[in-house]
N, C-alpha and C. Protein backbone atom coordinates (compact mmCIF):
# COMPACT_ATOMS: atom_id res chain seq x y z
N MET A 1 -19.51 -10.80 -20.31
CA MET A 1 -18.38 -11.60 -20.73
C MET A 1 -17.48 -11.87 -19.53
N ALA A 2 -17.15 -13.12 -19.30
CA ALA A 2 -16.31 -13.49 -18.18
C ALA A 2 -14.86 -13.09 -18.46
N LEU A 3 -14.19 -12.66 -17.40
CA LEU A 3 -12.78 -12.30 -17.52
C LEU A 3 -11.92 -13.55 -17.49
N PRO A 4 -10.80 -13.54 -18.18
CA PRO A 4 -9.88 -14.69 -18.11
C PRO A 4 -9.40 -14.88 -16.67
N LYS A 5 -9.13 -16.10 -16.30
CA LYS A 5 -8.66 -16.40 -14.95
C LYS A 5 -7.38 -15.62 -14.68
N GLY A 6 -7.30 -15.00 -13.52
CA GLY A 6 -6.13 -14.24 -13.14
C GLY A 6 -6.18 -12.79 -13.60
N SER A 7 -7.30 -12.36 -14.18
CA SER A 7 -7.42 -10.98 -14.64
C SER A 7 -7.59 -10.04 -13.46
N TRP A 8 -7.08 -8.83 -13.63
CA TRP A 8 -7.23 -7.80 -12.61
C TRP A 8 -8.67 -7.34 -12.63
N GLU A 9 -9.34 -7.36 -11.50
CA GLU A 9 -10.75 -6.99 -11.43
C GLU A 9 -10.96 -5.63 -10.79
N GLY A 10 -9.90 -4.92 -10.51
CA GLY A 10 -10.04 -3.60 -9.89
C GLY A 10 -9.95 -3.69 -8.38
N SER A 11 -9.88 -2.56 -7.75
CA SER A 11 -9.71 -2.48 -6.30
C SER A 11 -11.03 -2.24 -5.60
N VAL A 12 -11.14 -2.74 -4.39
CA VAL A 12 -12.31 -2.49 -3.56
C VAL A 12 -11.93 -1.68 -2.31
N VAL A 13 -10.70 -1.16 -2.27
CA VAL A 13 -10.23 -0.38 -1.13
C VAL A 13 -10.94 0.97 -1.10
N THR A 14 -11.38 1.36 0.11
CA THR A 14 -12.10 2.62 0.28
C THR A 14 -11.36 3.50 1.29
N ASP A 15 -11.84 4.72 1.46
CA ASP A 15 -11.27 5.62 2.47
C ASP A 15 -11.40 5.02 3.87
N VAL A 16 -12.46 4.24 4.10
CA VAL A 16 -12.65 3.58 5.39
C VAL A 16 -11.49 2.60 5.64
N ASP A 17 -11.07 1.87 4.62
CA ASP A 17 -9.94 0.95 4.74
C ASP A 17 -8.66 1.70 5.08
N LEU A 18 -8.45 2.85 4.43
CA LEU A 18 -7.26 3.65 4.71
C LEU A 18 -7.28 4.19 6.15
N GLN A 19 -8.46 4.58 6.63
CA GLN A 19 -8.60 5.03 8.02
C GLN A 19 -8.27 3.88 8.98
N TYR A 20 -8.70 2.68 8.65
CA TYR A 20 -8.39 1.50 9.47
C TYR A 20 -6.88 1.30 9.56
N LEU A 21 -6.19 1.41 8.42
CA LEU A 21 -4.74 1.22 8.43
C LEU A 21 -4.05 2.29 9.27
N ARG A 22 -4.54 3.50 9.25
CA ARG A 22 -3.97 4.56 10.10
C ARG A 22 -4.27 4.31 11.57
N ARG A 23 -5.51 3.94 11.85
CA ARG A 23 -5.93 3.69 13.24
C ARG A 23 -5.12 2.56 13.87
N THR A 24 -4.77 1.56 13.07
CA THR A 24 -4.01 0.42 13.58
C THR A 24 -2.50 0.61 13.38
N ARG A 25 -2.11 1.84 13.03
CA ARG A 25 -0.70 2.23 12.89
C ARG A 25 0.05 1.45 11.82
N ARG A 26 -0.65 1.06 10.80
CA ARG A 26 -0.01 0.39 9.67
C ARG A 26 0.33 1.40 8.57
N LEU A 27 -0.27 2.58 8.67
CA LEU A 27 0.05 3.71 7.80
C LEU A 27 0.34 4.91 8.70
N PRO A 28 1.27 5.79 8.28
CA PRO A 28 1.50 7.02 9.04
C PRO A 28 0.28 7.94 9.00
N SER A 29 0.30 8.98 9.80
CA SER A 29 -0.81 9.93 9.85
C SER A 29 -1.03 10.57 8.48
N ALA A 30 -2.20 11.17 8.32
CA ALA A 30 -2.54 11.84 7.06
C ALA A 30 -1.60 13.02 6.79
N GLU A 31 -1.08 13.64 7.85
CA GLU A 31 -0.14 14.75 7.69
C GLU A 31 1.21 14.25 7.17
N ALA A 32 1.58 13.03 7.53
CA ALA A 32 2.88 12.49 7.14
C ALA A 32 2.85 11.79 5.78
N LEU A 33 1.69 11.28 5.39
CA LEU A 33 1.60 10.51 4.15
C LEU A 33 0.24 10.73 3.50
N VAL A 34 0.25 11.28 2.31
CA VAL A 34 -1.00 11.50 1.58
C VAL A 34 -1.36 10.21 0.86
N THR A 35 -2.61 9.78 1.01
CA THR A 35 -3.09 8.56 0.35
C THR A 35 -4.41 8.86 -0.34
N ARG A 36 -4.78 7.99 -1.25
CA ARG A 36 -6.11 8.09 -1.86
C ARG A 36 -6.58 6.70 -2.23
N ALA A 37 -7.87 6.50 -2.09
CA ALA A 37 -8.47 5.26 -2.56
C ALA A 37 -8.55 5.34 -4.08
N PRO A 38 -8.45 4.21 -4.77
CA PRO A 38 -8.39 4.24 -6.22
C PRO A 38 -9.66 4.68 -6.93
N GLY A 39 -10.80 4.61 -6.27
CA GLY A 39 -12.04 5.01 -6.94
C GLY A 39 -12.43 4.03 -8.02
N PRO A 40 -12.95 4.52 -9.14
CA PRO A 40 -13.46 3.62 -10.18
C PRO A 40 -12.39 3.06 -11.13
N GLU A 41 -11.12 3.29 -10.84
CA GLU A 41 -10.06 2.79 -11.73
C GLU A 41 -10.13 1.28 -11.82
N ARG A 42 -10.19 0.74 -13.00
CA ARG A 42 -10.15 -0.71 -13.18
C ARG A 42 -8.71 -1.19 -13.22
N VAL A 43 -7.85 -0.41 -13.83
CA VAL A 43 -6.42 -0.69 -13.90
C VAL A 43 -5.73 0.40 -13.11
N PRO A 44 -4.74 0.07 -12.24
CA PRO A 44 -4.06 1.12 -11.48
C PRO A 44 -3.53 2.22 -12.40
N ALA A 45 -3.84 3.45 -12.05
CA ALA A 45 -3.41 4.61 -12.84
C ALA A 45 -2.81 5.64 -11.89
N PRO A 46 -1.58 5.39 -11.42
CA PRO A 46 -0.99 6.33 -10.46
C PRO A 46 -0.76 7.70 -11.09
N GLN A 47 -1.01 8.73 -10.29
CA GLN A 47 -0.75 10.10 -10.72
C GLN A 47 0.73 10.40 -10.47
N GLU A 48 1.19 11.55 -10.94
CA GLU A 48 2.58 11.97 -10.75
C GLU A 48 2.98 11.85 -9.28
N GLY A 49 4.07 11.13 -9.00
CA GLY A 49 4.58 10.99 -7.65
C GLY A 49 3.91 9.92 -6.80
N GLU A 50 2.90 9.26 -7.32
CA GLU A 50 2.19 8.22 -6.57
C GLU A 50 2.80 6.85 -6.83
N ARG A 51 2.58 5.94 -5.88
CA ARG A 51 3.00 4.56 -6.02
C ARG A 51 1.80 3.67 -5.74
N VAL A 52 1.70 2.57 -6.44
CA VAL A 52 0.62 1.61 -6.23
C VAL A 52 1.10 0.57 -5.23
N VAL A 53 0.34 0.38 -4.17
CA VAL A 53 0.62 -0.66 -3.18
C VAL A 53 -0.67 -1.43 -2.94
N PHE A 54 -0.55 -2.59 -2.36
CA PHE A 54 -1.71 -3.43 -2.13
C PHE A 54 -2.09 -3.43 -0.66
N PHE A 55 -3.37 -3.36 -0.39
CA PHE A 55 -3.90 -3.33 0.98
C PHE A 55 -3.36 -4.49 1.80
N SER A 56 -3.31 -5.67 1.20
CA SER A 56 -2.87 -6.85 1.95
C SER A 56 -1.43 -6.72 2.44
N HIS A 57 -0.60 -5.98 1.72
CA HIS A 57 0.78 -5.78 2.18
C HIS A 57 0.81 -5.04 3.51
N PHE A 58 0.00 -3.99 3.64
CA PHE A 58 -0.05 -3.23 4.88
C PHE A 58 -0.81 -3.98 5.96
N GLU A 59 -1.85 -4.67 5.57
CA GLU A 59 -2.66 -5.42 6.52
C GLU A 59 -1.81 -6.48 7.23
N ARG A 60 -0.85 -7.03 6.52
CA ARG A 60 0.00 -8.08 7.08
C ARG A 60 1.34 -7.56 7.59
N GLY A 61 1.52 -6.23 7.62
CA GLY A 61 2.71 -5.66 8.22
C GLY A 61 3.82 -5.31 7.25
N LEU A 62 3.60 -5.39 5.96
CA LEU A 62 4.60 -5.07 4.96
C LEU A 62 5.94 -5.70 5.32
N GLY A 63 5.90 -6.94 5.75
CA GLY A 63 7.12 -7.62 6.16
C GLY A 63 7.94 -8.08 4.97
N LEU A 64 9.14 -7.62 4.90
CA LEU A 64 10.05 -8.02 3.84
C LEU A 64 11.17 -8.88 4.42
N PRO A 65 11.51 -9.98 3.79
CA PRO A 65 12.64 -10.75 4.29
C PRO A 65 13.93 -9.98 3.98
N ALA A 66 14.60 -9.52 5.01
CA ALA A 66 15.82 -8.73 4.82
C ALA A 66 16.94 -9.29 5.68
N SER A 67 18.14 -9.24 5.15
CA SER A 67 19.32 -9.73 5.90
C SER A 67 19.64 -8.77 7.04
N LEU A 68 20.42 -9.25 7.99
CA LEU A 68 20.86 -8.40 9.10
C LEU A 68 21.65 -7.21 8.58
N PHE A 69 22.49 -7.42 7.56
CA PHE A 69 23.26 -6.33 6.99
C PHE A 69 22.34 -5.25 6.43
N PHE A 70 21.34 -5.65 5.67
CA PHE A 70 20.42 -4.69 5.07
C PHE A 70 19.66 -3.92 6.14
N ARG A 71 19.20 -4.61 7.19
CA ARG A 71 18.49 -3.92 8.27
C ARG A 71 19.40 -2.95 8.99
N ALA A 72 20.67 -3.32 9.20
CA ALA A 72 21.63 -2.42 9.83
C ALA A 72 21.89 -1.20 8.94
N TRP A 73 21.96 -1.43 7.63
CA TRP A 73 22.18 -0.33 6.68
C TRP A 73 21.01 0.65 6.73
N LEU A 74 19.77 0.11 6.74
CA LEU A 74 18.59 0.97 6.84
C LEU A 74 18.60 1.76 8.14
N ASP A 75 18.94 1.09 9.24
CA ASP A 75 18.99 1.74 10.54
C ASP A 75 20.03 2.85 10.55
N PHE A 76 21.20 2.61 9.93
CA PHE A 76 22.27 3.60 9.90
C PHE A 76 21.79 4.90 9.22
N PHE A 77 21.01 4.78 8.17
CA PHE A 77 20.53 5.94 7.45
C PHE A 77 19.16 6.42 7.96
N GLY A 78 18.67 5.82 9.04
CA GLY A 78 17.41 6.25 9.62
C GLY A 78 16.20 5.96 8.77
N LEU A 79 16.28 4.89 8.00
CA LEU A 79 15.17 4.54 7.10
C LEU A 79 14.30 3.44 7.69
């Protein structure tokens, strides 16, 4: 049965992809940030304390359009 257009088809991210993001400094070291590939999950099912993010966000630098004030505020708090 075909899925409706725009349906979530699951993730294809693997541990190799996560290693690539670390190697290219798009993710912190494994000691600083625990990550896991989604495995066979068809729908994101984050465990306690986990957040769902998309590979493409990190691949492209997780660039967010932020005002100068907001960037200064983040810098002030060391974030």
